[in-house]
């Protein structure tokens, strides 16, 4: 439906798609409220961020690989954090 208004909307990756793919590759996805309880030595999370309001600055980044809190500079806002947990643990 969104693609009727903006052609680029077909490129959107929805949280449900990320959860499905993670599950297919042996991971459980745990939603957490913020990055602070995560351990950069052992945790990996997929994080949805955005920059300026009403801009096209939305992106999925990986904690701890990407500079999540500063990806779009001071205007970076964290929208969702999905912690990946290996099902084998």
PDB file of N, CA and C in Angstrom:
ATOM      1  N   UNK A   1       0.823  -1.198   0.000  1.00  0.00           N
ATOM      2  CA  UNK A   1       0.000   0.000   0.000  1.00  0.00           C
ATOM      3  C   UNK A   1       0.866   1.261   0.000  1.00  0.00           C
ATOM      4  N   UNK A   2       1.922   1.260   0.796  1.00  0.00           N
ATOM      5  CA  UNK A   2       2.786   2.438   0.858  1.00  0.00           C
ATOM      6  C   UNK A   2       3.450   2.744  -0.475  1.00  0.00           C
ATOM      7  N   UNK A   3       3.698   1.716  -1.262  1.00  0.00           N
ATOM      8  CA  UNK A   3       4.375   1.931  -2.542  1.00  0.00           C
ATOM      9  C   UNK A   3       3.538   2.734  -3.532  1.00  0.00           C
ATOM     10  N   UNK A   4       2.235   2.831  -3.307  1.00  0.00           N
ATOM     11  CA  UNK A   4       1.404   3.691  -4.153  1.00  0.00           C
ATOM     12  C   UNK A   4       1.749   5.160  -3.932  1.00  0.00           C
ATOM     13  N   UNK A   5       2.211   5.494  -2.739  1.00  0.00           N
ATOM     14  CA  UNK A   5       2.536   6.876  -2.402  1.00  0.00           C
ATOM     15  C   UNK A   5       4.004   7.193  -2.626  1.00  0.00           C
ATOM     16  N   UNK A   6       4.864   6.193  -2.435  1.00  0.00           N
ATOM     17  CA  UNK A   6       6.301   6.385  -2.617  1.00  0.00           C
ATOM     18  C   UNK A   6       6.909   5.083  -3.117  1.00  0.00           C
ATOM     19  N   UNK A   7       7.447   5.103  -4.308  1.00  0.00           N
ATOM     20  CA  UNK A   7       8.011   3.903  -4.926  1.00  0.00           C
ATOM     21  C   UNK A   7       9.083   3.232  -4.075  1.00  0.00           C
ATOM     22  N   UNK A   8       9.810   4.028  -3.331  1.00  0.00           N
ATOM     23  CA  UNK A   8      10.899   3.488  -2.515  1.00  0.00           C
ATOM     24  C   UNK A   8      10.401   2.668  -1.335  1.00  0.00           C
ATOM     25  N   UNK A   9       9.127   2.718  -1.059  1.00  0.00           N
ATOM     26  CA  UNK A   9       8.576   1.972   0.078  1.00  0.00           C
ATOM     27  C   UNK A   9       8.726   0.463  -0.101  1.00  0.00           C
ATOM     28  N   UNK A  10       8.898   0.002  -1.333  1.00  0.00           N
ATOM     29  CA  UNK A  10       9.084  -1.438  -1.554  1.00  0.00           C
ATOM     30  C   UNK A  10      10.406  -1.928  -0.972  1.00  0.00           C
ATOM     31  N   UNK A  11      11.312  -1.003  -0.641  1.00  0.00           N
ATOM     32  CA  UNK A  11      12.605  -1.360  -0.069  1.00  0.00           C
ATOM     33  C   UNK A  11      12.571  -1.483   1.451  1.00  0.00           C
ATOM     34  N   UNK A  12      11.445  -1.201   2.064  1.00  0.00           N
ATOM     35  CA  UNK A  12      11.331  -1.245   3.523  1.00  0.00           C
ATOM     36  C   UNK A  12      11.450  -2.684   4.011  1.00  0.00           C
ATOM     37  N   UNK A  13      12.279  -2.868   5.032  1.00  0.00           N
ATOM     38  CA  UNK A  13      12.382  -4.162   5.701  1.00  0.00           C
ATOM     39  C   UNK A  13      11.611  -4.048   7.007  1.00  0.00           C
ATOM     40  N   UNK A  14      10.587  -4.825   7.155  1.00  0.00           N
ATOM     41  CA  UNK A  14       9.721  -4.761   8.327  1.00  0.00           C
ATOM     42  C   UNK A  14      10.281  -5.632   9.445  1.00  0.00           C
ATOM     43  N   UNK A  15       9.994  -5.272  10.700  1.00  0.00           N
ATOM     44  CA  UNK A  15      10.456  -6.090  11.825  1.00  0.00           C
ATOM     45  C   UNK A  15      10.053  -7.556  11.705  1.00  0.00           C
ATOM     46  N   UNK A  16       8.872  -7.817  11.208  1.00  0.00           N
ATOM     47  CA  UNK A  16       8.427  -9.213  11.059  1.00  0.00           C
ATOM     48  C   UNK A  16       9.324  -9.987  10.099  1.00  0.00           C
ATOM     49  N   UNK A  17       9.848  -9.315   9.080  1.00  0.00           N
ATOM     50  CA  UNK A  17      10.762  -9.967   8.138  1.00  0.00           C
ATOM     51  C   UNK A  17      12.092 -10.291   8.815  1.00  0.00           C
ATOM     52  N   UNK A  18      12.582  -9.378   9.604  1.00  0.00           N
ATOM     53  CA  UNK A  18      13.840  -9.614  10.316  1.00  0.00           C
ATOM     54  C   UNK A  18      13.687 -10.784  11.278  1.00  0.00           C
ATOM     55  N   UNK A  19      12.583 -10.811  12.015  1.00  0.00           N
ATOM     56  CA  UNK A  19      12.339 -11.900  12.960  1.00  0.00           C
ATOM     57  C   UNK A  19      12.229 -13.248  12.240  1.00  0.00           C
ATOM     58  N   UNK A  20      11.576 -13.257  11.105  1.00  0.00           N
ATOM     59  CA  UNK A  20      11.410 -14.497  10.337  1.00  0.00           C
ATOM     60  C   UNK A  20      12.757 -15.019   9.849  1.00  0.00           C
ATOM     61  N   UNK A  21      13.569 -14.152   9.282  1.00  0.00           N
ATOM     62  CA  UNK A  21      14.878 -14.559   8.761  1.00  0.00           C
ATOM     63  C   UNK A  21      15.788 -15.003   9.903  1.00  0.00           C
ATOM     64  N   UNK A  22      15.785 -14.271  11.011  1.00  0.00           N
ATOM     65  CA  UNK A  22      16.611 -14.658  12.161  1.00  0.00           C
ATOM     66  C   UNK A  22      16.211 -16.044  12.653  1.00  0.00           C
ATOM     67  N   UNK A  23      14.917 -16.296  12.731  1.00  0.00           N
ATOM     68  CA  UNK A  23      14.410 -17.601  13.157  1.00  0.00           C
ATOM     69  C   UNK A  23      14.863 -18.707  12.197  1.00  0.00           C
ATOM     70  N   UNK A  24      14.807 -18.444  10.910  1.00  0.00           N
ATOM     71  CA  UNK A  24      15.226 -19.428   9.914  1.00  0.00           C
ATOM     72  C   UNK A  24      16.715 -19.762  10.018  1.00  0.00           C
ATOM     73  N   UNK A  25      17.503 -18.844  10.583  1.00  0.00           N
ATOM     74  CA  UNK A  25      18.941 -19.052  10.721  1.00  0.00           C
ATOM     75  C   UNK A  25      19.351 -19.444  12.134  1.00  0.00           C
ATOM     76  N   UNK A  26      18.363 -19.843  12.960  1.00  0.00           N
ATOM     77  CA  UNK A  26      18.667 -20.392  14.272  1.00  0.00           C
ATOM     78  C   UNK A  26      18.741 -19.404  15.422  1.00  0.00           C
ATOM     79  N   UNK A  27      18.122 -18.248  15.268  1.00  0.00           N
ATOM     80  CA  UNK A  27      18.143 -17.241  16.323  1.00  0.00           C
ATOM     81  C   UNK A  27      16.747 -16.940  16.840  1.00  0.00           C
ATOM     82  N   UNK A  28      16.654 -16.713  18.142  1.00  0.00           N
ATOM     83  CA  UNK A  28      15.465 -16.120  18.733  1.00  0.00           C
ATOM     84  C   UNK A  28      15.698 -14.621  18.749  1.00  0.00           C
ATOM     85  N   UNK A  29      14.639 -13.862  18.614  1.00  0.00           N
ATOM     86  CA  UNK A  29      14.731 -12.407  18.641  1.00  0.00           C
ATOM     87  C   UNK A  29      14.038 -11.918  19.904  1.00  0.00           C
ATOM     88  N   UNK A  30      14.784 -11.196  20.732  1.00  0.00           N
ATOM     89  CA  UNK A  30      14.259 -10.676  21.980  1.00  0.00           C
ATOM     90  C   UNK A  30      14.225  -9.153  21.880  1.00  0.00           C
ATOM     91  N   UNK A  31      13.059  -8.566  22.053  1.00  0.00           N
ATOM     92  CA  UNK A  31      12.935  -7.120  22.022  1.00  0.00           C
ATOM     93  C   UNK A  31      13.397  -6.556  23.361  1.00  0.00           C
ATOM     94  N   UNK A  32      14.315  -5.599  23.306  1.00  0.00           N
ATOM     95  CA  UNK A  32      14.784  -4.930  24.523  1.00  0.00           C
ATOM     96  C   UNK A  32      14.524  -3.431  24.379  1.00  0.00           C
ATOM     97  N   UNK A  33      14.424  -2.754  25.517  1.00  0.00           N
ATOM     98  CA  UNK A  33      14.051  -1.341  25.511  1.00  0.00           C
ATOM     99  C   UNK A  33      15.180  -0.397  25.131  1.00  0.00           C
ATOM    100  N   UNK A  34      16.414  -0.790  25.422  1.00  0.00           N
ATOM    101  CA  UNK A  34      17.536   0.109  25.159  1.00  0.00           C
ATOM    102  C   UNK A  34      18.835  -0.684  25.028  1.00  0.00           C
ATOM    103  N   UNK A  35      19.887   0.008  24.625  1.00  0.00           N
ATOM    104  CA  UNK A  35      21.180  -0.645  24.419  1.00  0.00           C
ATOM    105  C   UNK A  35      21.968  -0.847  25.707  1.00  0.00           C
ATOM    106  N   UNK A  36      21.715  -0.042  26.722  1.00  0.00           N
ATOM    107  CA  UNK A  36      22.569  -0.041  27.919  1.00  0.00           C
ATOM    108  C   UNK A  36      22.742  -1.399  28.605  1.00  0.00           C
ATOM    109  N   UNK A  37      21.729  -2.288  28.645  1.00  0.00           N
ATOM    110  CA  UNK A  37      21.988  -3.577  29.296  1.00  0.00           C
ATOM    111  C   UNK A  37      22.778  -4.570  28.432  1.00  0.00           C
ATOM    112  N   UNK A  38      23.025  -4.229  27.181  1.00  0.00           N
ATOM    113  CA  UNK A  38      23.729  -5.145  26.288  1.00  0.00           C
ATOM    114  C   UNK A  38      25.229  -5.101  26.539  1.00  0.00           C
ATOM    115  N   UNK A  39      25.875  -6.230  26.316  1.00  0.00           N
ATOM    116  CA  UNK A  39      27.312  -6.364  26.486  1.00  0.00           C
ATOM    117  C   UNK A  39      27.951  -6.414  25.103  1.00  0.00           C
ATOM    118  N   UNK A  40      28.767  -5.424  24.779  1.00  0.00           N
ATOM    119  CA  UNK A  40      29.366  -5.349  23.442  1.00  0.00           C
ATOM    120  C   UNK A  40      30.340  -6.487  23.156  1.00  0.00           C
ATOM    121  N   UNK A  41      30.740  -7.218  24.183  1.00  0.00           N
ATOM    122  CA  UNK A  41      31.652  -8.349  24.000  1.00  0.00           C
ATOM    123  C   UNK A  41      30.929  -9.631  23.595  1.00  0.00           C
ATOM    124  N   UNK A  42      29.629  -9.731  23.937  1.00  0.00           N
ATOM    125  CA  UNK A  42      28.938 -10.990  23.647  1.00  0.00           C
ATOM    126  C   UNK A  42      27.568 -10.846  22.980  1.00  0.00           C
ATOM    127  N   UNK A  43      26.960  -9.673  23.023  1.00  0.00           N
ATOM    128  CA  UNK A  43      25.619  -9.493  22.456  1.00  0.00           C
ATOM    129  C   UNK A  43      25.664  -8.901  21.052  1.00  0.00           C
ATOM    130  N   UNK A  44      24.714  -9.326  20.234  1.00  0.00           N
ATOM    131  CA  UNK A  44      24.529  -8.756  18.903  1.00  0.00           C
ATOM    132  C   UNK A  44      23.051  -8.410  18.777  1.00  0.00           C
ATOM    133  N   UNK A  45      22.788  -7.207  18.302  1.00  0.00           N
ATOM    134  CA  UNK A  45      21.403  -6.763  18.152  1.00  0.00           C
ATOM    135  C   UNK A  45      21.230  -6.050  16.820  1.00  0.00           C
ATOM    136  N   UNK A  46      20.039  -6.127  16.304  1.00  0.00           N
ATOM    137  CA  UNK A  46      19.654  -5.370  15.121  1.00  0.00           C
ATOM    138  C   UNK A  46      18.808  -4.205  15.627  1.00  0.00           C
ATOM    139  N   UNK A  47      19.178  -2.993  15.218  1.00  0.00           N
ATOM    140  CA  UNK A  47      18.571  -1.788  15.786  1.00  0.00           C
ATOM    141  C   UNK A  47      17.989  -0.921  14.671  1.00  0.00           C
ATOM    142  N   UNK A  48      16.723  -0.532  14.829  1.00  0.00           N
ATOM    143  CA  UNK A  48      16.097   0.407  13.897  1.00  0.00           C
ATOM    144  C   UNK A  48      16.308   1.806  14.450  1.00  0.00           C
ATOM    145  N   UNK A  49      16.880   2.671  13.610  1.00  0.00           N
ATOM    146  CA  UNK A  49      17.124   4.049  14.010  1.00  0.00           C
ATOM    147  C   UNK A  49      16.531   4.990  12.976  1.00  0.00           C
ATOM    148  N   UNK A  50      16.396   6.244  13.369  1.00  0.00           N
ATOM    149  CA  UNK A  50      16.057   7.277  12.396  1.00  0.00           C
ATOM    150  C   UNK A  50      16.760   8.571  12.776  1.00  0.00           C
ATOM    151  N   UNK A  51      16.836   9.451  11.806  1.00  0.00           N
ATOM    152  CA  UNK A  51      17.486  10.741  12.016  1.00  0.00           C
ATOM    153  C   UNK A  51      16.439  11.824  12.134  1.00  0.00           C
ATOM    154  N   UNK A  52      16.583  12.852  11.325  1.00  0.00           N
ATOM    155  CA  UNK A  52      15.674  13.991  11.370  1.00  0.00           C
ATOM    156  C   UNK A  52      14.228  13.555  11.135  1.00  0.00           C
ATOM    157  N   UNK A  53      13.332  14.177  11.889  1.00  0.00           N
ATOM    158  CA  UNK A  53      11.907  13.888  11.739  1.00  0.00           C
ATOM    159  C   UNK A  53      11.452  14.290  10.341  1.00  0.00           C
ATOM    160  N   UNK A  54      10.612  13.508   9.715  1.00  0.00           N
ATOM    161  CA  UNK A  54      10.093  13.723   8.363  1.00  0.00           C
ATOM    162  C   UNK A  54      11.174  13.668   7.288  1.00  0.00           C
ATOM    163  N   UNK A  55      12.254  12.985   7.573  1.00  0.00           N
ATOM    164  CA  UNK A  55      13.274  12.768   6.547  1.00  0.00           C
ATOM    165  C   UNK A  55      13.202  11.303   6.145  1.00  0.00           C
ATOM    166  N   UNK A  56      14.006  10.930   5.205  1.00  0.00           N
ATOM    167  CA  UNK A  56      14.054   9.525   4.802  1.00  0.00           C
ATOM    168  C   UNK A  56      15.213   8.821   5.493  1.00  0.00           C
ATOM    169  N   UNK A  57      15.604   9.327   6.646  1.00  0.00           N
ATOM    170  CA  UNK A  57      16.727   8.763   7.382  1.00  0.00           C
ATOM    171  C   UNK A  57      16.243   7.670   8.335  1.00  0.00           C
ATOM    172  N   UNK A  58      15.917   6.525   7.793  1.00  0.00           N
ATOM    173  CA  UNK A  58      15.588   5.340   8.590  1.00  0.00           C
ATOM    174  C   UNK A  58      16.524   4.235   8.148  1.00  0.00           C
ATOM    175  N   UNK A  59      17.023   3.473   9.119  1.00  0.00           N
ATOM    176  CA  UNK A  59      17.995   2.452   8.743  1.00  0.00           C
ATOM    177  C   UNK A  59      18.074   1.385   9.830  1.00  0.00           C
ATOM    178  N   UNK A  60      18.376   0.154   9.428  1.00  0.00           N
ATOM    179  CA  UNK A  60      18.693  -0.913  10.362  1.00  0.00           C
ATOM    180  C   UNK A  60      20.199  -0.938  10.511  1.00  0.00           C
ATOM    181  N   UNK A  61      20.691  -0.999  11.750  1.00  0.00           N
ATOM    182  CA  UNK A  61      22.129  -1.088  12.004  1.00  0.00           C
ATOM    183  C   UNK A  61      22.385  -2.240  12.966  1.00  0.00           C
ATOM    184  N   UNK A  62      23.651  -2.602  13.102  1.00  0.00           N
ATOM    185  CA  UNK A  62      24.006  -3.745  13.940  1.00  0.00           C
ATOM    186  C   UNK A  62      24.843  -3.274  15.131  1.00  0.00           C
ATOM    187  N   UNK A  63      24.366  -3.620  16.317  1.00  0.00           N
ATOM    188  CA  UNK A  63      25.119  -3.377  17.550  1.00  0.00           C
ATOM    189  C   UNK A  63      25.954  -4.610  17.825  1.00  0.00           C
ATOM    190  N   UNK A  64      27.202  -4.515  18.119  1.00  0.00           N
ATOM    191  CA  UNK A  64      28.050  -3.367  18.392  1.00  0.00           C
ATOM    192  C   UNK A  64      28.896  -2.916  17.208  1.00  0.00           C
ATOM    193  N   UNK A  65      28.647  -3.413  16.027  1.00  0.00           N
ATOM    194  CA  UNK A  65      29.488  -3.102  14.862  1.00  0.00           C
ATOM    195  C   UNK A  65      29.337  -1.640  14.428  1.00  0.00           C
ATOM    196  N   UNK A  66      28.091  -1.180  14.291  1.00  0.00           N
ATOM    197  CA  UNK A  66      27.850   0.191  13.844  1.00  0.00           C
ATOM    198  C   UNK A  66      27.808   1.151  15.035  1.00  0.00           C
ATOM    199  N   UNK A  67      28.074   2.413  14.770  1.00  0.00           N
ATOM    200  CA  UNK A  67      27.966   3.448  15.801  1.00  0.00           C
ATOM    201  C   UNK A  67      26.487   3.827  15.912  1.00  0.00           C
ATOM    202  N   UNK A  68      25.741   3.003  16.605  1.00  0.00           N
ATOM    203  CA  UNK A  68      24.278   3.109  16.652  1.00  0.00           C
ATOM    204  C   UNK A  68      23.817   4.473  17.144  1.00  0.00           C
ATOM    205  N   UNK A  69      24.354   4.936  18.249  1.00  0.00           N
ATOM    206  CA  UNK A  69      23.866   6.171  18.874  1.00  0.00           C
ATOM    207  C   UNK A  69      24.198   7.429  18.086  1.00  0.00           C
ATOM    208  N   UNK A  70      25.174   7.348  17.184  1.00  0.00           N
ATOM    209  CA  UNK A  70      25.591   8.530  16.427  1.00  0.00           C
ATOM    210  C   UNK A  70      25.522   8.326  14.917  1.00  0.00           C
ATOM    211  N   UNK A  71      24.760   7.352  14.467  1.00  0.00           N
ATOM    212  CA  UNK A  71      24.714   7.024  13.039  1.00  0.00           C
ATOM    213  C   UNK A  71      24.298   8.229  12.191  1.00  0.00           C
ATOM    214  N   UNK A  72      23.309   8.981  12.661  1.00  0.00           N
ATOM    215  CA  UNK A  72      22.858  10.203  11.989  1.00  0.00           C
ATOM    216  C   UNK A  72      23.268  11.447  12.776  1.00  0.00           C
ATOM    217  N   UNK A  73      24.346  11.353  13.516  1.00  0.00           N
ATOM    218  CA  UNK A  73      24.805  12.483  14.314  1.00  0.00           C
ATOM    219  C   UNK A  73      23.940  12.663  15.558  1.00  0.00           C
ATOM    220  N   UNK A  74      23.848  13.888  16.020  1.00  0.00           N
ATOM    221  CA  UNK A  74      23.100  14.184  17.243  1.00  0.00           C
ATOM    222  C   UNK A  74      21.608  13.899  17.127  1.00  0.00           C
ATOM    223  N   UNK A  75      21.098  13.833  15.925  1.00  0.00           N
ATOM    224  CA  UNK A  75      19.655  13.634  15.708  1.00  0.00           C
ATOM    225  C   UNK A  75      19.250  12.161  15.698  1.00  0.00           C
ATOM    226  N   UNK A  76      20.193  11.256  15.914  1.00  0.00           N
ATOM    227  CA  UNK A  76      19.902   9.826  15.871  1.00  0.00           C
ATOM    228  C   UNK A  76      18.942   9.433  16.990  1.00  0.00           C
ATOM    229  N   UNK A  77      17.875   8.719  16.613  1.00  0.00           N
ATOM    230  CA  UNK A  77      16.892   8.223  17.576  1.00  0.00           C
ATOM    231  C   UNK A  77      16.784   6.709  17.396  1.00  0.00           C
ATOM    232  N   UNK A  78      16.834   5.985  18.505  1.00  0.00           N
ATOM    233  CA  UNK A  78      16.679   4.531  18.465  1.00  0.00           C
ATOM    234  C   UNK A  78      15.201   4.202  18.585  1.00  0.00           C
ATOM    235  N   UNK A  79      14.673   3.471  17.597  1.00  0.00           N
ATOM    236  CA  UNK A  79      13.256   3.123  17.581  1.00  0.00           C
ATOM    237  C   UNK A  79      12.976   1.729  18.131  1.00  0.00           C
ATOM    238  N   UNK A  80      13.837   0.770  17.818  1.00  0.00           N
ATOM    239  CA  UNK A  80      13.615  -0.610  18.263  1.00  0.00           C
ATOM    240  C   UNK A  80      14.957  -1.325  18.350  1.00  0.00           C
ATOM    241  N   UNK A  81      15.078  -2.209  19.356  1.00  0.00           N
ATOM    242  CA  UNK A  81      16.292  -2.997  19.534  1.00  0.00           C
ATOM    243  C   UNK A  81      15.887  -4.460  19.611  1.00  0.00           C
ATOM    244  N   UNK A  82      16.437  -5.273  18.706  1.00  0.00           N
ATOM    245  CA  UNK A  82      16.148  -6.701  18.663  1.00  0.00           C
ATOM    246  C   UNK A  82      17.442  -7.475  18.939  1.00  0.00           C
ATOM    247  N   UNK A  83      17.521  -8.041  20.122  1.00  0.00           N
ATOM    248  CA  UNK A  83      18.676  -8.816  20.535  1.00  0.00           C
ATOM    249  C   UNK A  83      18.571 -10.219  19.932  1.00  0.00           C
ATOM    250  N   UNK A  84      19.656 -10.669  19.297  1.00  0.00           N
ATOM    251  CA  UNK A  84      19.682 -11.996  18.690  1.00  0.00           C
ATOM    252  C   UNK A  84      20.260 -12.987  19.687  1.00  0.00           C
ATOM    253  N   UNK A  85      19.530 -14.050  19.940  1.00  0.00           N
ATOM    254  CA  UNK A  85      19.988 -15.096  20.855  1.00  0.00           C
ATOM    255  C   UNK A  85      20.036 -16.411  20.082  1.00  0.00           C
ATOM    256  N   UNK A  86      21.206 -17.039  20.052  1.00  0.00           N
ATOM    257  CA  UNK A  86      21.377 -18.320  19.381  1.00  0.00           C
ATOM    258  C   UNK A  86      20.505 -19.358  20.084  1.00  0.00           C
ATOM    259  N   UNK A  87      19.693 -20.083  19.323  1.00  0.00           N
ATOM    260  CA  UNK A  87      18.789 -21.082  19.919  1.00  0.00           C
ATOM    261  C   UNK A  87      19.536 -22.238  20.573  1.00  0.00           C
ATOM    262  N   UNK A  88      20.789 -22.440  20.192  1.00  0.00           N
ATOM    263  CA  UNK A  88      21.576 -23.525  20.730  1.00  0.00           C
ATOM    264  C   UNK A  88      22.089 -23.280  22.139  1.00  0.00           C
ATOM    265  N   UNK A  89      21.904 -22.057  22.670  1.00  0.00           N
ATOM    266  CA  UNK A  89      22.423 -21.733  24.018  1.00  0.00           C
ATOM    267  C   UNK A  89      21.510 -22.264  25.102  1.00  0.00           C
TER     268      UNK A  89
END
